[in-house]
C-alpha atoms as a PDB file:
ATOM      1  CA  UNK A   1       0.105   0.056   0.114  1.00  0.00           C
ATOM      2  CA  UNK A   2       1.347   3.373  -0.613  1.00  0.00           C
ATOM      3  CA  UNK A   3       2.176   5.383   2.419  1.00  0.00           C
ATOM      4  CA  UNK A   4      -0.450   8.102   2.013  1.00  0.00           C
ATOM      5  CA  UNK A   5      -4.261   7.688   1.285  1.00  0.00           C
ATOM      6  CA  UNK A   6      -5.398   9.408  -1.761  1.00  0.00           C
ATOM      7  CA  UNK A   7      -6.540  12.570   0.189  1.00  0.00           C
ATOM      8  CA  UNK A   8      -2.881  13.059   1.505  1.00  0.00           C
ATOM      9  CA  UNK A   9      -3.575  11.818   4.933  1.00  0.00           C
ATOM     10  CA  UNK A  10      -0.889   9.796   6.700  1.00  0.00           C
ATOM     11  CA  UNK A  11      -1.715   5.662   6.784  1.00  0.00           C
ATOM     12  CA  UNK A  12      -0.747   3.932  10.047  1.00  0.00           C
ATOM     13  CA  UNK A  13       2.004   2.430   8.542  1.00  0.00           C
ATOM     14  CA  UNK A  14       3.834   6.130   7.936  1.00  0.00           C
ATOM     15  CA  UNK A  15       2.692   6.977  11.706  1.00  0.00           C
ATOM     16  CA  UNK A  16       4.460   3.698  12.672  1.00  0.00           C
ATOM     17  CA  UNK A  17       7.694   4.838  10.746  1.00  0.00           C
ATOM     18  CA  UNK A  18       7.688   8.168  11.953  1.00  0.00           C
ATOM     19  CA  UNK A  19       8.272   6.612  15.527  1.00  0.00           C
ATOM     20  CA  UNK A  20      11.162   4.485  14.143  1.00  0.00           C
ATOM     21  CA  UNK A  21       9.120   1.385  14.961  1.00  0.00           C
ATOM     22  CA  UNK A  22       9.303  -0.306  11.596  1.00  0.00           C
ATOM     23  CA  UNK A  23      12.200   0.269   9.243  1.00  0.00           C
ATOM     24  CA  UNK A  24      11.247   2.435   5.906  1.00  0.00           C
ATOM     25  CA  UNK A  25      12.914  -0.404   3.871  1.00  0.00           C
ATOM     26  CA  UNK A  26      10.147  -2.805   5.248  1.00  0.00           C
ATOM     27  CA  UNK A  27       7.507  -0.458   4.937  1.00  0.00           C
ATOM     28  CA  UNK A  28       8.174   0.366   1.262  1.00  0.00           C
ATOM     29  CA  UNK A  29       8.221  -3.432   0.516  1.00  0.00           C
ATOM     30  CA  UNK A  30       4.903  -4.935   0.719  1.00  0.00           C
ATOM     31  CA  UNK A  31       6.689  -8.373  -0.135  1.00  0.00           C
ATOM     32  CA  UNK A  32       8.940  -8.515   2.548  1.00  0.00           C
ATOM     33  CA  UNK A  33       6.166  -7.663   5.221  1.00  0.00           C
ATOM     34  CA  UNK A  34       3.980 -10.603   3.633  1.00  0.00           C
ATOM     35  CA  UNK A  35       7.075 -12.844   3.625  1.00  0.00           C
ATOM     36  CA  UNK A  36       7.933 -12.062   7.130  1.00  0.00           C
ATOM     37  CA  UNK A  37       4.019 -12.944   8.127  1.00  0.00           C
ATOM     38  CA  UNK A  38       3.994 -15.991   5.905  1.00  0.00           C
ATOM     39  CA  UNK A  39       7.061 -17.409   7.713  1.00  0.00           C
ATOM     40  CA  UNK A  40       5.170 -17.807  10.545  1.00  0.00           C
ATOM     41  CA  UNK A  41       4.263 -21.269  11.969  1.00  0.00           C
ATOM     42  CA  UNK A  42       1.097 -19.631  13.301  1.00  0.00           C
ATOM     43  CA  UNK A  43      -2.122 -17.958  11.737  1.00  0.00           C
ATOM     44  CA  UNK A  44      -1.809 -14.122  11.707  1.00  0.00           C
ATOM     45  CA  UNK A  45      -4.553 -11.459  11.169  1.00  0.00           C
ATOM     46  CA  UNK A  46      -4.475  -7.677  10.973  1.00  0.00           C
ATOM     47  CA  UNK A  47      -7.647  -6.182  11.630  1.00  0.00           C
ATOM     48  CA  UNK A  48      -9.234  -2.498  12.310  1.00  0.00           C
ATOM     49  CA  UNK A  49     -11.362  -1.139  15.404  1.00  0.00           C
ATOM     50  CA  UNK A  50     -14.238  -2.569  13.718  1.00  0.00           C
ATOM     51  CA  UNK A  51     -12.825  -5.871  13.476  1.00  0.00           C
ATOM     52  CA  UNK A  52     -12.859  -5.978   9.861  1.00  0.00           C
ATOM     53  CA  UNK A  53      -9.903  -8.161   8.416  1.00  0.00           C
ATOM     54  CA  UNK A  54      -7.195  -6.077   6.548  1.00  0.00           C
ATOM     55  CA  UNK A  55      -4.337  -8.781   5.948  1.00  0.00           C
ATOM     56  CA  UNK A  56      -3.930 -12.625   6.634  1.00  0.00           C
ATOM     57  CA  UNK A  57      -0.760 -14.550   6.019  1.00  0.00           C
ATOM     58  CA  UNK A  58      -0.641 -18.108   4.156  1.00  0.00           C
ATOM     59  CA  UNK A  59      -0.797 -20.105   7.612  1.00  0.00           C
ATOM     60  CA  UNK A  60      -4.326 -18.647   8.180  1.00  0.00           C
ATOM     61  CA  UNK A  61      -5.721 -19.771   4.734  1.00  0.00           C
ATOM     62  CA  UNK A  62      -4.121 -23.194   5.427  1.00  0.00           C
ATOM     63  CA  UNK A  63      -5.569 -23.351   8.792  1.00  0.00           C
ATOM     64  CA  UNK A  64      -9.143 -22.285   8.221  1.00  0.00           C
ATOM     65  CA  UNK A  65      -9.985 -23.065   4.658  1.00  0.00           C
ATOM     66  CA  UNK A  66     -10.607 -19.608   3.268  1.00  0.00           C
ATOM     67  CA  UNK A  67      -8.659 -18.002   0.381  1.00  0.00           C
ATOM     68  CA  UNK A  68      -7.002 -14.445   1.151  1.00  0.00           C
ATOM     69  CA  UNK A  69      -9.526 -12.801  -0.823  1.00  0.00           C
ATOM     70  CA  UNK A  70     -12.486 -14.494   1.254  1.00  0.00           C
ATOM     71  CA  UNK A  71     -10.783 -13.290   4.392  1.00  0.00           C
ATOM     72  CA  UNK A  72     -10.647  -9.515   3.299  1.00  0.00           C
ATOM     73  CA  UNK A  73     -13.722  -7.313   4.804  1.00  0.00           C
ATOM     74  CA  UNK A  74     -14.677 -10.649   7.022  1.00  0.00           C
ATOM     75  CA  UNK A  75     -15.177  -9.704  10.628  1.00  0.00           C
ATOM     76  CA  UNK A  76     -12.671 -11.440  12.790  1.00  0.00           C
ATOM     77  CA  UNK A  77     -15.151 -12.292  15.175  1.00  0.00           C
ATOM     78  CA  UNK A  78     -16.753 -14.998  12.778  1.00  0.00           C
ATOM     79  CA  UNK A  79     -13.867 -17.087  13.021  1.00  0.00           C
ATOM     80  CA  UNK A  80     -13.098 -17.099  16.801  1.00  0.00           C
ATOM     81  CA  UNK A  81     -15.683 -17.422  19.564  1.00  0.00           C
ATOM     82  CA  UNK A  82     -15.655 -17.954  23.221  1.00  0.00           C
ATOM     83  CA  UNK A  83     -19.186 -18.901  23.453  1.00  0.00           C
ATOM     84  CA  UNK A  84     -20.745 -15.445  22.351  1.00  0.00           C
ATOM     85  CA  UNK A  85     -19.431 -14.516  18.860  1.00  0.00           C
ATOM     86  CA  UNK A  86     -20.745 -10.832  19.519  1.00  0.00           C
ATOM     87  CA  UNK A  87     -18.360 -10.535  22.163  1.00  0.00           C
ATOM     88  CA  UNK A  88     -15.311  -9.674  20.228  1.00  0.00           C
ATOM     89  CA  UNK A  89     -16.587  -6.587  18.865  1.00  0.00           C
ATOM     90  CA  UNK A  90     -17.956  -5.323  21.913  1.00  0.00           C
ATOM     91  CA  UNK A  91     -14.951  -6.198  23.769  1.00  0.00           C
ATOM     92  CA  UNK A  92     -12.599  -4.225  21.209  1.00  0.00           C
ATOM     93  CA  UNK A  93     -15.052  -1.417  21.087  1.00  0.00           C
ATOM     94  CA  UNK A  94     -14.938  -1.054  24.970  1.00  0.00           C
ATOM     95  CA  UNK A  95     -10.974  -1.567  24.919  1.00  0.00           C
ATOM     96  CA  UNK A  96     -10.773   1.207  22.408  1.00  0.00           C
ATOM     97  CA  UNK A  97     -12.821   3.686  24.288  1.00  0.00           C
ATOM     98  CA  UNK A  98     -11.625   3.070  27.725  1.00  0.00           C
ATOM     99  CA  UNK A  99      -8.016   2.297  26.909  1.00  0.00           C
ATOM    100  CA  UNK A 100      -8.263  -0.469  29.383  1.00  0.00           C
ATOM    101  CA  UNK A 101      -6.888  -3.090  27.083  1.00  0.00           C
ATOM    102  CA  UNK A 102      -7.523  -6.424  29.301  1.00  0.00           C
ATOM    103  CA  UNK A 103      -6.807  -8.759  26.542  1.00  0.00           C
ATOM    104  CA  UNK A 104      -4.550  -6.688  24.133  1.00  0.00           C
ATOM    105  CA  UNK A 105      -0.740  -8.092  25.168  1.00  0.00           C
ATOM    106  CA  UNK A 106      -2.358 -11.177  26.610  1.00  0.00           C
ATOM    107  CA  UNK A 107      -3.474 -14.545  25.434  1.00  0.00           C
ATOM    108  CA  UNK A 108      -6.665 -16.451  26.095  1.00  0.00           C
ATOM    109  CA  UNK A 109      -8.251 -20.077  24.804  1.00  0.00           C
ATOM    110  CA  UNK A 110     -10.930 -19.997  22.512  1.00  0.00           C
ATOM    111  CA  UNK A 111     -12.608 -21.789  19.932  1.00  0.00           C
ATOM    112  CA  UNK A 112     -11.654 -21.002  16.121  1.00  0.00           C
ATOM    113  CA  UNK A 113     -14.256 -21.843  13.266  1.00  0.00           C
ATOM    114  CA  UNK A 114     -12.966 -23.149  10.094  1.00  0.00           C
ATOM    115  CA  UNK A 115     -14.750 -22.406   6.454  1.00  0.00           C
ATOM    116  CA  UNK A 116     -16.721 -25.674   6.743  1.00  0.00           C
ATOM    117  CA  UNK A 117     -17.951 -25.041  10.387  1.00  0.00           C
ATOM    118  CA  UNK A 118     -15.523 -27.192  12.220  1.00  0.00           C
ATOM    119  CA  UNK A 119     -14.026 -25.878  15.366  1.00  0.00           C
ATOM    120  CA  UNK A 120     -10.801 -26.522  17.012  1.00  0.00           C
ATOM    121  CA  UNK A 121      -9.140 -24.928  19.977  1.00  0.00           C
ATOM    122  CA  UNK A 122      -6.470 -22.411  19.717  1.00  0.00           C
ATOM    123  CA  UNK A 123      -4.504 -19.499  21.698  1.00  0.00           C
ATOM    124  CA  UNK A 124      -5.593 -15.984  20.709  1.00  0.00           C
ATOM    125  CA  UNK A 125      -3.062 -13.047  21.335  1.00  0.00           C
ATOM    126  CA  UNK A 126      -3.662  -9.727  20.475  1.00  0.00           C
ATOM    127  CA  UNK A 127      -1.363  -6.751  20.018  1.00  0.00           C
ATOM    128  CA  UNK A 128      -1.921  -3.071  19.135  1.00  0.00           C
ATOM    129  CA  UNK A 129       0.643  -0.706  17.430  1.00  0.00           C
ATOM    130  CA  UNK A 130       0.989   2.599  19.355  1.00  0.00           C
ATOM    131  CA  UNK A 131      -0.798   5.602  17.388  1.00  0.00           C
ATOM    132  CA  UNK A 132      -2.494   2.865  15.000  1.00  0.00           C
ATOM    133  CA  UNK A 133      -5.943   1.593  14.636  1.00  0.00           C
ATOM    134  CA  UNK A 134      -4.715  -1.797  13.422  1.00  0.00           C
ATOM    135  CA  UNK A 135      -4.667  -4.832  15.721  1.00  0.00           C
ATOM    136  CA  UNK A 136      -2.886  -7.863  14.992  1.00  0.00           C
ATOM    137  CA  UNK A 137      -3.899 -11.355  15.900  1.00  0.00           C
ATOM    138  CA  UNK A 138      -2.187 -14.563  16.545  1.00  0.00           C
ATOM    139  CA  UNK A 139      -3.749 -17.858  16.552  1.00  0.00           C
ATOM    140  CA  UNK A 140      -1.974 -20.914  17.401  1.00  0.00           C
ATOM    141  CA  UNK A 141      -3.734 -24.629  16.935  1.00  0.00           C
ATOM    142  CA  UNK A 142      -3.760 -26.107  19.865  1.00  0.00           C
ATOM    143  CA  UNK A 143      -5.412 -29.355  18.581  1.00  0.00           C
ATOM    144  CA  UNK A 144      -1.905 -31.196  18.719  1.00  0.00           C
ATOM    145  CA  UNK A 145      -1.304 -29.916  22.302  1.00  0.00           C
ATOM    146  CA  UNK A 146      -4.522 -31.124  23.471  1.00  0.00           C
ATOM    147  CA  UNK A 147      -4.235 -34.401  21.845  1.00  0.00           C
ATOM    148  CA  UNK A 148      -0.526 -34.475  23.528  1.00  0.00           C
ATOM    149  CA  UNK A 149      -1.837 -33.611  26.789  1.00  0.00           C
ATOM    150  CA  UNK A 150      -4.554 -36.212  26.500  1.00  0.00           C
ATOM    151  CA  UNK A 151      -2.054 -38.867  25.512  1.00  0.00           C
ATOM    152  CA  UNK A 152       0.335 -37.981  28.169  1.00  0.00           C
ATOM    153  CA  UNK A 153      -2.963 -38.072  30.762  1.00  0.00           C
ATOM    154  CA  UNK A 154      -3.873 -41.381  29.227  1.00  0.00           C
ATOM    155  CA  UNK A 155      -0.150 -42.831  29.857  1.00  0.00           C
ATOM    156  CA  UNK A 156      -0.027 -41.097  33.311  1.00  0.00           C
ATOM    157  CA  UNK A 157      -3.302 -42.936  34.157  1.00  0.00           C
ATOM    158  CA  UNK A 158      -2.180 -46.176  32.269  1.00  0.00           C
ATOM    159  CA  UNK A 159       1.280 -45.912  34.510  1.00  0.00           C
ATOM    160  CA  UNK A 160      -0.548 -45.274  37.549  1.00  0.00           C
ATOM    161  CA  UNK A 161      -2.793 -48.677  37.005  1.00  0.00           C
ATOM    162  CA  UNK A 162       0.223 -50.480  36.273  1.00  0.00           C
ATOM    163  CA  UNK A 163       2.289 -49.039  39.563  1.00  0.00           C
ATOM    164  CA  UNK A 164      -1.000 -50.227  41.548  1.00  0.00           C
ATOM    165  CA  UNK A 165      -1.212 -53.464  40.009  1.00  0.00           C
ATOM    166  CA  UNK A 166       2.516 -53.958  40.634  1.00  0.00           C
ATOM    167  CA  UNK A 167       2.363 -52.843  44.185  1.00  0.00           C
ATOM    168  CA  UNK A 168      -0.666 -55.074  44.584  1.00  0.00           C
ATOM    169  CA  UNK A 169       0.977 -57.813  43.451  1.00  0.00           C
ATOM    170  CA  UNK A 170       4.109 -57.180  45.317  1.00  0.00           C
ATOM    171  CA  UNK A 171       2.329 -56.579  48.734  1.00  0.00           C
ATOM    172  CA  UNK A 172       0.695 -59.987  48.100  1.00  0.00           C
ATOM    173  CA  UNK A 173       3.957 -61.577  48.493  1.00  0.00           C
ATOM    174  CA  UNK A 174       4.965 -63.763  51.476  1.00  0.00           C
ATOM    175  CA  UNK A 175       8.296 -62.106  51.757  1.00  0.00           C
ATOM    176  CA  UNK A 176      10.048 -58.815  51.879  1.00  0.00           C
ATOM    177  CA  UNK A 177      10.809 -57.104  48.985  1.00  0.00           C
ATOM    178  CA  UNK A 178      13.225 -53.990  48.743  1.00  0.00           C
ATOM    179  CA  UNK A 179      14.266 -52.215  45.462  1.00  0.00           C
ATOM    180  CA  UNK A 180      17.342 -50.187  45.686  1.00  0.00           C
ATOM    181  CA  UNK A 181      19.448 -48.030  43.488  1.00  0.00           C
ATOM    182  CA  UNK A 182      23.085 -48.191  42.456  1.00  0.00           C
ATOM    183  CA  UNK A 183      23.760 -45.799  45.621  1.00  0.00           C
ATOM    184  CA  UNK A 184      22.252 -48.643  47.744  1.00  0.00           C
ATOM    185  CA  UNK A 185      19.227 -45.858  48.569  1.00  0.00           C
ATOM    186  CA  UNK A 186      15.968 -47.767  48.781  1.00  0.00           C
ATOM    187  CA  UNK A 187      13.404 -47.003  46.172  1.00  0.00           C
ATOM    188  CA  UNK A 188      10.514 -49.193  46.974  1.00  0.00           C
ATOM    189  CA  UNK A 189       9.351 -51.759  49.515  1.00  0.00           C
ATOM    190  CA  UNK A 190       6.305 -53.919  49.973  1.00  0.00           C
ATOM    191  CA  UNK A 191       3.829 -54.209  52.737  1.00  0.00           C
ATOM    192  CA  UNK A 192       5.609 -57.666  54.172  1.00  0.00           C
ATOM    193  CA  UNK A 193       8.746 -55.524  54.421  1.00  0.00           C
ATOM    194  CA  UNK A 194       7.116 -53.235  56.794  1.00  0.00           C
ATOM    195  CA  UNK A 195       5.669 -56.211  58.704  1.00  0.00           C
ATOM    196  CA  UNK A 196       8.785 -58.127  58.924  1.00  0.00           C
ATOM    197  CA  UNK A 197      11.265 -55.293  59.980  1.00  0.00           C
ATOM    198  CA  UNK A 198       9.145 -52.797  61.723  1.00  0.00           C
ATOM    199  CA  UNK A 199       9.770 -49.422  59.806  1.00  0.00           C
ATOM    200  CA  UNK A 200       7.274 -47.696  57.948  1.00  0.00           C
ATOM    201  CA  UNK A 201       7.192 -47.449  53.984  1.00  0.00           C
ATOM    202  CA  UNK A 202       8.291 -43.277  54.456  1.00  0.00           C
ATOM    203  CA  UNK A 203      10.797 -44.610  56.803  1.00  0.00           C
ATOM    204  CA  UNK A 204      12.312 -46.900  54.269  1.00  0.00           C
ATOM    205  CA  UNK A 205      12.202 -44.763  51.196  1.00  0.00           C
ATOM    206  CA  UNK A 206      15.181 -42.888  50.632  1.00  0.00           C
ATOM    207  CA  UNK A 207      17.463 -44.560  53.114  1.00  0.00           C
ATOM    208  CA  UNK A 208      20.385 -46.841  52.749  1.00  0.00           C
ATOM    209  CA  UNK A 209      19.592 -50.377  52.676  1.00  0.00           C
ATOM    210  CA  UNK A 210      22.269 -51.209  55.192  1.00  0.00           C
ATOM    211  CA  UNK A 211      19.742 -49.964  57.986  1.00  0.00           C
ATOM    212  CA  UNK A 212      18.392 -53.581  57.810  1.00  0.00           C
ATOM    213  CA  UNK A 213      21.834 -54.999  58.228  1.00  0.00           C
ATOM    214  CA  UNK A 214      23.830 -55.567  61.609  1.00  0.00           C
ATOM    215  CA  UNK A 215      26.922 -53.073  61.839  1.00  0.00           C
ATOM    216  CA  UNK A 216      29.480 -56.021  61.001  1.00  0.00           C
ATOM    217  CA  UNK A 217      27.755 -56.155  57.426  1.00  0.00           C
ATOM    218  CA  UNK A 218      26.780 -52.878  56.557  1.00  0.00           C
ATOM    219  CA  UNK A 219      29.845 -51.659  55.641  1.00  0.00           C
ATOM    220  CA  UNK A 220      30.820 -54.654  53.581  1.00  0.00           C
ATOM    221  CA  UNK A 221      27.436 -54.551  51.676  1.00  0.00           C
ATOM    222  CA  UNK A 222      28.443 -50.892  50.508  1.00  0.00           C
ATOM    223  CA  UNK A 223      31.855 -52.035  49.278  1.00  0.00           C
ATOM    224  CA  UNK A 224      30.279 -55.228  47.453  1.00  0.00           C
ATOM    225  CA  UNK A 225      27.924 -52.939  45.580  1.00  0.00           C
ATOM    226  CA  UNK A 226      30.526 -50.712  44.414  1.00  0.00           C
ATOM    227  CA  UNK A 227      32.671 -53.394  43.526  1.00  0.00           C
ATOM    228  CA  UNK A 228      30.040 -54.974  41.323  1.00  0.00           C
ATOM    229  CA  UNK A 229      29.273 -51.404  39.811  1.00  0.00           C
ATOM    230  CA  UNK A 230      33.185 -50.822  39.184  1.00  0.00           C
ATOM    231  CA  UNK A 231      33.921 -54.293  37.761  1.00  0.00           C
ATOM    232  CA  UNK A 232      30.663 -56.167  36.836  1.00  0.00           C
ATOM    233  CA  UNK A 233      31.765 -58.999  38.677  1.00  0.00           C
ATOM    234  CA  UNK A 234      28.612 -60.725  40.578  1.00  0.00           C
ATOM    235  CA  UNK A 235      29.107 -62.150  44.035  1.00  0.00           C
ATOM    236  CA  UNK A 236      25.408 -62.498  45.083  1.00  0.00           C
ATOM    237  CA  UNK A 237      23.425 -61.317  42.107  1.00  0.00           C
ATOM    238  CA  UNK A 238      21.230 -63.985  40.727  1.00  0.00           C
ATOM    239  CA  UNK A 239      22.373 -66.239  43.742  1.00  0.00           C
ATOM    240  CA  UNK A 240      20.406 -66.811  47.272  1.00  0.00           C
ATOM    241  CA  UNK A 241      22.023 -67.339  50.554  1.00  0.00           C
ATOM    242  CA  UNK A 242      21.331 -67.137  54.282  1.00  0.00           C
ATOM    243  CA  UNK A 243      22.270 -63.887  55.984  1.00  0.00           C
ATOM    244  CA  UNK A 244      21.386 -61.985  59.087  1.00  0.00           C
ATOM    245  CA  UNK A 245      18.969 -58.900  59.212  1.00  0.00           C
ATOM    246  CA  UNK A 246      18.152 -56.414  61.538  1.00  0.00           C
ATOM    247  CA  UNK A 247      14.613 -55.232  62.840  1.00  0.00           C
ATOM    248  CA  UNK A 248      13.871 -51.436  63.901  1.00  0.00           C
ATOM    249  CA  UNK A 249      13.822 -52.685  67.420  1.00  0.00           C
ATOM    250  CA  UNK A 250      17.639 -54.060  66.770  1.00  0.00           C
ATOM    251  CA  UNK A 251      16.710 -57.566  67.183  1.00  0.00           C
ATOM    252  CA  UNK A 252      18.153 -59.957  64.617  1.00  0.00           C
ATOM    253  CA  UNK A 253      17.128 -62.908  62.604  1.00  0.00           C
ATOM    254  CA  UNK A 254      18.280 -65.515  60.004  1.00  0.00           C
ATOM    255  CA  UNK A 255      16.652 -64.807  56.226  1.00  0.00           C
ATOM    256  CA  UNK A 256      17.453 -66.007  52.799  1.00  0.00           C
ATOM    257  CA  UNK A 257      18.443 -63.296  50.799  1.00  0.00           C
ATOM    258  CA  UNK A 258      17.659 -63.467  46.794  1.00  0.00           C
ATOM    259  CA  UNK A 259      19.271 -60.774  44.558  1.00  0.00           C
ATOM    260  CA  UNK A 260      18.594 -59.780  40.722  1.00  0.00           C
ATOM    261  CA  UNK A 261      19.211 -56.571  38.742  1.00  0.00           C
ATOM    262  CA  UNK A 262      16.759 -55.225  36.575  1.00  0.00           C
ATOM    263  CA  UNK A 263      17.895 -54.433  33.173  1.00  0.00           C
ATOM    264  CA  UNK A 264      18.851 -51.102  31.773  1.00  0.00           C
ATOM    265  CA  UNK A 265      17.359 -49.354  34.994  1.00  0.00           C
ATOM    266  CA  UNK A 266      20.379 -49.952  37.312  1.00  0.00           C
ATOM    267  CA  UNK A 267      17.985 -51.253  40.103  1.00  0.00           C
ATOM    268  CA  UNK A 268      18.569 -54.235  42.326  1.00  0.00           C
ATOM    269  CA  UNK A 269      15.541 -56.046  43.707  1.00  0.00           C
ATOM    270  CA  UNK A 270      16.050 -58.184  46.734  1.00  0.00           C
ATOM    271  CA  UNK A 271      13.568 -60.617  48.343  1.00  0.00           C
ATOM    272  CA  UNK A 272      14.020 -61.611  51.907  1.00  0.00           C
ATOM    273  CA  UNK A 273      12.289 -64.741  53.216  1.00  0.00           C
ATOM    274  CA  UNK A 274      12.390 -64.866  57.279  1.00  0.00           C
ATOM    275  CA  UNK A 275      13.650 -68.022  58.248  1.00  0.00           C
ATOM    276  CA  UNK A 276      12.718 -67.600  62.026  1.00  0.00           C
ATOM    277  CA  UNK A 277       9.809 -70.187  61.785  1.00  0.00           C
ATOM    278  CA  UNK A 278      11.888 -72.546  59.805  1.00  0.00           C
ATOM    279  CA  UNK A 279      14.899 -72.528  62.046  1.00  0.00           C
ATOM    280  CA  UNK A 280      12.652 -72.897  65.321  1.00  0.00           C
ATOM    281  CA  UNK A 281      10.974 -76.034  63.491  1.00  0.00           C
ATOM    282  CA  UNK A 282      14.254 -77.584  62.401  1.00  0.00           C
ATOM    283  CA  UNK A 283      15.503 -77.143  66.066  1.00  0.00           C
ATOM    284  CA  UNK A 284      12.576 -78.582  67.145  1.00  0.00           C
ATOM    285  CA  UNK A 285      12.786 -81.501  64.897  1.00  0.00           C
ATOM    286  CA  UNK A 286      16.403 -81.735  65.932  1.00  0.00           C
ATOM    287  CA  UNK A 287      15.472 -81.869  69.664  1.00  0.00           C
ATOM    288  CA  UNK A 288      13.083 -84.503  69.000  1.00  0.00           C
ATOM    289  CA  UNK A 289      15.338 -86.504  66.957  1.00  0.00           C
ATOM    290  CA  UNK A 290      18.026 -86.290  69.830  1.00  0.00           C
ATOM    291  CA  UNK A 291      15.297 -87.518  72.362  1.00  0.00           C
ATOM    292  CA  UNK A 292      14.025 -90.231  70.174  1.00  0.00           C
ATOM    293  CA  UNK A 293      17.901 -91.311  70.127  1.00  0.00           C
ATOM    294  CA  UNK A 294      18.245 -91.416  73.593  1.00  0.00           C
ATOM    295  CA  UNK A 295      15.101 -93.254  74.278  1.00  0.00           C
ATOM    296  CA  UNK A 296      15.999 -96.127  71.707  1.00  0.00           C
ATOM    297  CA  UNK A 297      19.821 -96.287  73.105  1.00  0.00           C
ATOM    298  CA  UNK A 298      18.165 -96.725  76.504  1.00  0.00           C
ATOM    299  CA  UNK A 299      16.672-100.170  75.346  1.00  0.00           C
ATOM    300  CA  UNK A 300      18.332-103.270  76.120  1.00  0.00           C
ATOM    301  CA  UNK A 301      16.875-104.682  73.077  1.00  0.00           C
ATOM    302  CA  UNK A 302      18.063-104.071  69.552  1.00  0.00           C
ATOM    303  CA  UNK A 303      15.930-101.636  67.719  1.00  0.00           C
ATOM    304  CA  UNK A 304      15.577-100.989  63.957  1.00  0.00           C
ATOM    305  CA  UNK A 305      13.234 -98.486  62.246  1.00  0.00           C
ATOM    306  CA  UNK A 306      12.569 -99.274  58.420  1.00  0.00           C
ATOM    307  CA  UNK A 307      10.464 -97.494  55.719  1.00  0.00           C
ATOM    308  CA  UNK A 308       7.558 -98.947  53.533  1.00  0.00           C
ATOM    309  CA  UNK A 309      10.477-100.787  51.368  1.00  0.00           C
ATOM    310  CA  UNK A 310      12.085-102.179  53.859  1.00  0.00           C
ATOM    311  CA  UNK A 311      15.171 -99.684  54.075  1.00  0.00           C
ATOM    312  CA  UNK A 312      16.688 -99.062  57.585  1.00  0.00           C
ATOM    313  CA  UNK A 313      16.165 -95.518  58.764  1.00  0.00           C
ATOM    314  CA  UNK A 314      17.365 -95.856  62.288  1.00  0.00           C
ATOM    315  CA  UNK A 315      19.181 -98.293  64.794  1.00  0.00           C
ATOM    316  CA  UNK A 316      20.024 -97.883  68.424  1.00  0.00           C
ATOM    317  CA  UNK A 317      23.090 -98.741  69.967  1.00  0.00           C
ATOM    318  CA  UNK A 318      21.788-102.214  71.333  1.00  0.00           C
ATOM    319  CA  UNK A 319      21.226-102.917  67.451  1.00  0.00           C
ATOM    320  CA  UNK A 320      25.069-102.354  66.637  1.00  0.00           C
ATOM    321  CA  UNK A 321      26.154-104.200  69.601  1.00  0.00           C
ATOM    322  CA  UNK A 322      23.969-107.202  68.510  1.00  0.00           C
ATOM    323  CA  UNK A 323      24.605-107.578  65.144  1.00  0.00           C
ATOM    324  CA  UNK A 324      28.114-106.161  64.773  1.00  0.00           C
ATOM    325  CA  UNK A 325      27.501-103.626  62.165  1.00  0.00           C
ATOM    326  CA  UNK A 326      28.101 -99.570  62.879  1.00  0.00           C
ATOM    327  CA  UNK A 327      25.099 -97.570  62.542  1.00  0.00           C
ATOM    328  CA  UNK A 328      26.543 -95.791  59.352  1.00  0.00           C
ATOM    329  CA  UNK A 329      26.712 -99.479  57.952  1.00  0.00           C
ATOM    330  CA  UNK A 330      22.894-100.271  58.899  1.00  0.00           C
ATOM    331  CA  UNK A 331      21.407 -97.205  57.538  1.00  0.00           C
ATOM    332  CA  UNK A 332      20.162 -97.168  53.986  1.00  0.00           C
ATOM    333  CA  UNK A 333      20.323-101.074  53.467  1.00  0.00           C
ATOM    334  CA  UNK A 334      17.587-103.517  53.503  1.00  0.00           C
ATOM    335  CA  UNK A 335      16.529-105.002  56.730  1.00  0.00           C
ATOM    336  CA  UNK A 336      16.854-108.449  55.320  1.00  0.00           C
ATOM    337  CA  UNK A 337      20.891-108.153  55.810  1.00  0.00           C
ATOM    338  CA  UNK A 338      20.118-109.332  59.486  1.00  0.00           C
ATOM    339  CA  UNK A 339      18.151-112.573  58.012  1.00  0.00           C
ATOM    340  CA  UNK A 340      19.146-115.738  56.447  1.00  0.00           C
ATOM    341  CA  UNK A 341      18.674-115.807  52.727  1.00  0.00           C
ATOM    342  CA  UNK A 342      15.401-117.737  53.091  1.00  0.00           C
ATOM    343  CA  UNK A 343      13.851-115.634  55.366  1.00  0.00           C
ATOM    344  CA  UNK A 344      15.061-112.473  53.512  1.00  0.00           C
ATOM    345  CA  UNK A 345      13.142-113.557  50.623  1.00  0.00           C
ATOM    346  CA  UNK A 346      10.277-114.120  52.378  1.00  0.00           C
ATOM    347  CA  UNK A 347      10.460-110.694  54.195  1.00  0.00           C
ATOM    348  CA  UNK A 348      10.768-109.011  50.813  1.00  0.00           C
ATOM    349  CA  UNK A 349       7.446-111.135  49.789  1.00  0.00           C
ATOM    350  CA  UNK A 350       5.553-109.905  52.716  1.00  0.00           C
ATOM    351  CA  UNK A 351       6.398-106.382  52.229  1.00  0.00           C
END
């Protein structure tokens, strides 16, 4: 456009130029201005105080479906709405009259209307040049943003669901579980861990795993993990062994510890099975066996215990004295070793 109207009055462009806001070389070259507008990734509109569109860029035509000529002279309020299409005209009128520019220089979410009548969410930003009647509107299509946020929300819910499922599975375990990072800091525990050791979940998280070890073991554990991380040589990863663990009250107990490394995450998972009941049961059985042995050995008669196949399981001291075999020679042999060949065959048939 020429810098002056036919009647000789200054145009908005000339006024902007007089304030040194836009270089002369740009004002005099419409193709440069158009090129700048067309280079934008967002839809750009220039309209006057009556909301009548004066200029658009290529992105606007692409986004809305109208041609450049179809846009010219169209009211800007016909392509955006916040639920009340008449609000845009009245708002701009109010802004001009009171100079309270609540929206000029700000951004807000609105709905944009395409040529085919379909709508899409967008962010509308308005700016106004000083000493000018023209207002510039920038429209950024947020459809992809909304879809992205929706996808993020879906993935977040899916992740939370999986985490709840994992926690549910872990909490259903009969054994204590710990997940630690490369610095031996506890990242996750299950309900059984809290039950067995006496600490709460919050007391566990963020603490060094050596809190559940006796003092003489805790320092060696950090050294082991460091050695594993430095060399890759596994001493316990993938194995199980009996160790001693420490509860919150300071008491200790024997447990079976199994360790595994989660691939690529750098996390180490440890399952701990409390052997207190098993050790107590084993001790009780051993005591019963010792008592039974003493009772058998107190007998004056030879006593032999066999299974359903006639294999000797236990003998008393009198049996070794009477027959001459040692206890080790008796155990695992058939009872017919103390019988004649004929009697032995009959005994096998009887069994």
